Amino acid sequence: MVYIIETTKGKLYTGITNNLPRRTQQHHVGRGAKYFRIDPPKHLLWHEPNHTKVTAARREIEIKKLTRQQKLFIIQSAKQQRLPIPISPPAS
């Protein structure tokens, strides 16, 4: 699965995973990408399921080469606003 997360500073982060809820939780608690230690995750904006590891990695590279506007177009064209997999603190 390929996904795009908006950070607190408004940047768009693209990544891949086979378990989106687990991965977003890892990002939130600082065990995911080092990128989020400087600019924490805010919202999951988009995801594209049904990829193998190889096709997800290829798609991630394609998306990372896009401009911000092109990424926003992908997000808007998918008509997915703030997906129901929130990035939130772990339950106590």
N, C-alpha and C. Protein backbone atom coordinates (compact mmCIF):
# COMPACT_ATOMS: atom_id res chain seq x y z
N MET A 1 0.84 -1.16 0.00
CA MET A 1 0.00 0.00 0.00
C MET A 1 0.89 1.24 0.00
N VAL A 2 0.52 2.21 -0.79
CA VAL A 2 1.22 3.48 -0.86
C VAL A 2 0.33 4.51 -0.16
N TYR A 3 0.94 5.45 0.56
CA TYR A 3 0.14 6.43 1.28
C TYR A 3 0.83 7.80 1.27
N ILE A 4 0.02 8.83 1.50
CA ILE A 4 0.54 10.20 1.62
C ILE A 4 0.01 10.77 2.93
N ILE A 5 0.93 11.32 3.72
CA ILE A 5 0.60 11.96 5.00
C ILE A 5 0.99 13.43 4.92
N GLU A 6 0.12 14.28 5.44
CA GLU A 6 0.45 15.70 5.58
C GLU A 6 1.10 15.90 6.94
N THR A 7 2.17 16.68 6.99
CA THR A 7 2.86 16.95 8.25
C THR A 7 2.32 18.22 8.89
N THR A 8 2.76 18.48 10.11
CA THR A 8 2.31 19.68 10.82
C THR A 8 2.74 20.97 10.12
N LYS A 9 3.81 20.89 9.33
CA LYS A 9 4.28 22.05 8.58
C LYS A 9 3.68 22.11 7.17
N GLY A 10 2.76 21.18 6.86
CA GLY A 10 2.09 21.20 5.58
C GLY A 10 2.80 20.46 4.46
N LYS A 11 3.87 19.76 4.77
CA LYS A 11 4.59 18.97 3.75
C LYS A 11 3.82 17.68 3.48
N LEU A 12 4.09 17.08 2.32
CA LEU A 12 3.46 15.82 1.96
C LEU A 12 4.51 14.72 1.97
N TYR A 13 4.31 13.72 2.81
CA TYR A 13 5.23 12.59 2.93
C TYR A 13 4.60 11.38 2.27
N THR A 14 5.35 10.70 1.41
CA THR A 14 4.88 9.50 0.73
C THR A 14 5.64 8.29 1.26
N GLY A 15 4.91 7.22 1.55
CA GLY A 15 5.54 6.00 2.05
C GLY A 15 4.78 4.77 1.60
N ILE A 16 5.32 3.60 1.97
CA ILE A 16 4.66 2.33 1.67
C ILE A 16 4.58 1.48 2.94
N THR A 17 3.59 0.60 2.98
CA THR A 17 3.42 -0.30 4.11
C THR A 17 2.49 -1.44 3.72
N ASN A 18 2.51 -2.49 4.52
CA ASN A 18 1.52 -3.55 4.33
C ASN A 18 0.49 -3.52 5.45
N ASN A 19 0.62 -2.56 6.39
CA ASN A 19 -0.31 -2.42 7.50
C ASN A 19 -0.41 -0.93 7.84
N LEU A 20 -1.36 -0.25 7.24
CA LEU A 20 -1.46 1.20 7.37
C LEU A 20 -1.74 1.66 8.80
N PRO A 21 -2.68 1.08 9.53
CA PRO A 21 -2.89 1.54 10.91
C PRO A 21 -1.63 1.42 11.77
N ARG A 22 -0.92 0.30 11.64
CA ARG A 22 0.31 0.11 12.42
C ARG A 22 1.36 1.14 12.02
N ARG A 23 1.52 1.37 10.72
CA ARG A 23 2.56 2.28 10.24
C ARG A 23 2.27 3.72 10.66
N THR A 24 1.02 4.16 10.57
CA THR A 24 0.72 5.53 10.99
C THR A 24 0.95 5.69 12.49
N GLN A 25 0.65 4.66 13.26
CA GLN A 25 0.92 4.70 14.70
C GLN A 25 2.43 4.79 14.96
N GLN A 26 3.21 4.03 14.22
CA GLN A 26 4.67 4.09 14.36
C GLN A 26 5.18 5.50 14.06
N HIS A 27 4.65 6.10 13.01
CA HIS A 27 5.06 7.47 12.68
C HIS A 27 4.73 8.41 13.84
N HIS A 28 3.56 8.26 14.40
CA HIS A 28 3.12 9.17 15.45
C HIS A 28 3.98 9.07 16.71
N VAL A 29 4.40 7.88 17.07
CA VAL A 29 5.17 7.72 18.31
C VAL A 29 6.68 7.79 18.09
N GLY A 30 7.10 8.14 16.88
CA GLY A 30 8.52 8.34 16.62
C GLY A 30 9.30 7.10 16.25
N ARG A 31 8.61 6.00 15.95
CA ARG A 31 9.31 4.77 15.56
C ARG A 31 9.22 4.53 14.05
N GLY A 32 8.63 5.45 13.33
CA GLY A 32 8.53 5.32 11.88
C GLY A 32 9.69 6.03 11.21
N ALA A 33 9.40 6.75 10.16
CA ALA A 33 10.42 7.45 9.39
C ALA A 33 11.08 8.56 10.23
N LYS A 34 12.38 8.71 10.07
CA LYS A 34 13.11 9.78 10.77
C LYS A 34 12.58 11.15 10.38
N TYR A 35 12.02 11.25 9.19
CA TYR A 35 11.46 12.50 8.67
C TYR A 35 10.49 13.13 9.69
N PHE A 36 9.70 12.30 10.35
CA PHE A 36 8.68 12.81 11.26
C PHE A 36 9.22 13.26 12.61
N ARG A 37 10.48 13.04 12.88
CA ARG A 37 11.07 13.54 14.13
C ARG A 37 11.23 15.05 14.07
N ILE A 38 11.40 15.57 12.86
CA ILE A 38 11.56 17.01 12.66
C ILE A 38 10.21 17.67 12.38
N ASP A 39 9.37 16.99 11.63
CA ASP A 39 8.07 17.53 11.22
C ASP A 39 7.02 16.43 11.42
N PRO A 40 6.38 16.40 12.58
CA PRO A 40 5.45 15.31 12.92
C PRO A 40 4.27 15.17 11.95
N PRO A 41 3.71 13.96 11.87
CA PRO A 41 2.56 13.72 11.00
C PRO A 41 1.31 14.40 11.56
N LYS A 42 0.45 14.83 10.65
CA LYS A 42 -0.80 15.48 11.05
C LYS A 42 -2.01 14.67 10.57
N HIS A 43 -2.11 14.44 9.25
CA HIS A 43 -3.27 13.74 8.69
C HIS A 43 -2.83 12.75 7.62
N LEU A 44 -3.49 11.63 7.59
CA LEU A 44 -3.37 10.71 6.46
C LEU A 44 -4.30 11.25 5.39
N LEU A 45 -3.75 11.61 4.23
CA LEU A 45 -4.56 12.23 3.18
C LEU A 45 -5.04 11.25 2.12
N TRP A 46 -4.25 10.20 1.88
CA TRP A 46 -4.55 9.34 0.73
C TRP A 46 -3.84 8.01 0.89
N HIS A 47 -4.43 6.96 0.35
CA HIS A 47 -3.73 5.69 0.26
C HIS A 47 -4.22 4.93 -0.97
N GLU A 48 -3.35 4.09 -1.45
CA GLU A 48 -3.65 3.29 -2.64
C GLU A 48 -3.32 1.84 -2.30
N PRO A 49 -4.33 1.03 -2.03
CA PRO A 49 -4.09 -0.37 -1.64
C PRO A 49 -3.83 -1.28 -2.84
N ASN A 50 -3.74 -2.56 -2.55
CA ASN A 50 -3.63 -3.61 -3.57
C ASN A 50 -2.34 -3.58 -4.37
N HIS A 51 -1.24 -3.34 -3.70
CA HIS A 51 0.07 -3.39 -4.34
C HIS A 51 0.88 -4.52 -3.72
N THR A 52 1.74 -5.12 -4.52
CA THR A 52 2.77 -6.00 -3.96
C THR A 52 3.87 -5.09 -3.44
N LYS A 53 4.82 -5.64 -2.73
CA LYS A 53 5.93 -4.82 -2.22
C LYS A 53 6.66 -4.15 -3.37
N VAL A 54 6.86 -4.88 -4.46
CA VAL A 54 7.59 -4.34 -5.62
C VAL A 54 6.79 -3.22 -6.29
N THR A 55 5.50 -3.45 -6.55
CA THR A 55 4.72 -2.41 -7.23
C THR A 55 4.49 -1.20 -6.32
N ALA A 56 4.38 -1.43 -5.02
CA ALA A 56 4.24 -0.31 -4.09
C ALA A 56 5.50 0.55 -4.09
N ALA A 57 6.67 -0.09 -4.10
CA ALA A 57 7.93 0.65 -4.12
C ALA A 57 8.06 1.46 -5.41
N ARG A 58 7.66 0.87 -6.52
CA ARG A 58 7.71 1.60 -7.80
C ARG A 58 6.76 2.80 -7.79
N ARG A 59 5.56 2.57 -7.27
CA ARG A 59 4.57 3.65 -7.22
C ARG A 59 5.03 4.76 -6.27
N GLU A 60 5.64 4.39 -5.16
CA GLU A 60 6.17 5.37 -4.22
C GLU A 60 7.20 6.26 -4.92
N ILE A 61 8.09 5.67 -5.68
CA ILE A 61 9.10 6.44 -6.41
C ILE A 61 8.44 7.38 -7.41
N GLU A 62 7.43 6.88 -8.13
CA GLU A 62 6.71 7.72 -9.10
C GLU A 62 6.11 8.93 -8.40
N ILE A 63 5.45 8.70 -7.28
CA ILE A 63 4.77 9.78 -6.56
C ILE A 63 5.78 10.76 -5.98
N LYS A 64 6.88 10.28 -5.46
CA LYS A 64 7.89 11.18 -4.89
C LYS A 64 8.50 12.11 -5.93
N LYS A 65 8.46 11.72 -7.19
CA LYS A 65 8.99 12.56 -8.26
C LYS A 65 8.01 13.66 -8.68
N LEU A 66 6.75 13.55 -8.26
CA LEU A 66 5.74 14.53 -8.64
C LEU A 66 5.90 15.83 -7.87
N THR A 67 5.36 16.89 -8.43
CA THR A 67 5.32 18.17 -7.72
C THR A 67 4.23 18.10 -6.65
N ARG A 68 4.26 19.05 -5.76
CA ARG A 68 3.21 19.13 -4.73
C ARG A 68 1.83 19.21 -5.37
N GLN A 69 1.70 20.05 -6.40
CA GLN A 69 0.41 20.22 -7.07
C GLN A 69 -0.07 18.92 -7.68
N GLN A 70 0.83 18.16 -8.26
CA GLN A 70 0.45 16.88 -8.86
C GLN A 70 0.00 15.89 -7.78
N LYS A 71 0.68 15.91 -6.64
CA LYS A 71 0.27 15.04 -5.53
C LYS A 71 -1.11 15.44 -5.02
N LEU A 72 -1.34 16.73 -4.90
CA LEU A 72 -2.65 17.20 -4.45
C LEU A 72 -3.73 16.81 -5.44
N PHE A 73 -3.41 16.81 -6.72
CA PHE A 73 -4.37 16.39 -7.74
C PHE A 73 -4.74 14.92 -7.55
N ILE A 74 -3.75 14.08 -7.28
CA ILE A 74 -4.01 12.66 -7.02
C ILE A 74 -4.94 12.51 -5.82
N ILE A 75 -4.65 13.25 -4.78
CA ILE A 75 -5.46 13.18 -3.55
C ILE A 75 -6.89 13.63 -3.83
N GLN A 76 -7.03 14.76 -4.52
CA GLN A 76 -8.36 15.29 -4.81
C GLN A 76 -9.13 14.40 -5.78
N SER A 77 -8.45 13.87 -6.78
CA SER A 77 -9.14 13.05 -7.77
C SER A 77 -9.63 11.73 -7.16
N ALA A 78 -8.98 11.28 -6.11
CA ALA A 78 -9.42 10.06 -5.43
C ALA A 78 -10.62 10.35 -4.52
N LYS A 79 -10.92 11.62 -4.34
CA LYS A 79 -12.04 12.04 -3.50
C LYS A 79 -11.97 11.44 -2.10
N GLN A 80 -10.78 11.43 -1.57
CA GLN A 80 -10.59 10.89 -0.22
C GLN A 80 -10.11 12.01 0.69
N GLN A 81 -11.01 12.52 1.47
CA GLN A 81 -10.64 13.55 2.42
C GLN A 81 -10.43 12.90 3.78
N ARG A 82 -9.38 13.21 4.44
CA ARG A 82 -9.08 12.73 5.79
C ARG A 82 -9.64 11.33 6.03
N LEU A 83 -8.88 10.34 5.69
CA LEU A 83 -9.31 8.95 5.79
C LEU A 83 -9.59 8.54 7.23
N PRO A 84 -10.41 7.51 7.43
CA PRO A 84 -10.77 7.12 8.79
C PRO A 84 -9.69 6.33 9.53
N ILE A 85 -8.44 6.54 9.17
CA ILE A 85 -7.33 5.94 9.90
C ILE A 85 -6.52 7.12 10.45
N PRO A 86 -6.96 7.70 11.56
CA PRO A 86 -6.31 8.90 12.07
C PRO A 86 -4.93 8.63 12.63
N ILE A 87 -4.14 9.66 12.64
CA ILE A 87 -2.84 9.60 13.29
C ILE A 87 -3.07 10.23 14.65
N SER A 88 -3.09 9.40 15.67
CA SER A 88 -3.40 9.89 17.00
C SER A 88 -2.51 9.21 18.03
N PRO A 89 -2.41 9.80 19.20
CA PRO A 89 -1.58 9.19 20.25
C PRO A 89 -2.10 7.81 20.60
N PRO A 90 -1.22 6.94 21.06
CA PRO A 90 -1.67 5.61 21.47
C PRO A 90 -2.61 5.69 22.67
N ALA A 91 -3.55 4.77 22.73
CA ALA A 91 -4.48 4.72 23.86
C ALA A 91 -3.72 4.36 25.13
N SER A 92 -4.08 5.01 26.21
CA SER A 92 -3.40 4.75 27.49
C SER A 92 -3.97 3.54 28.18
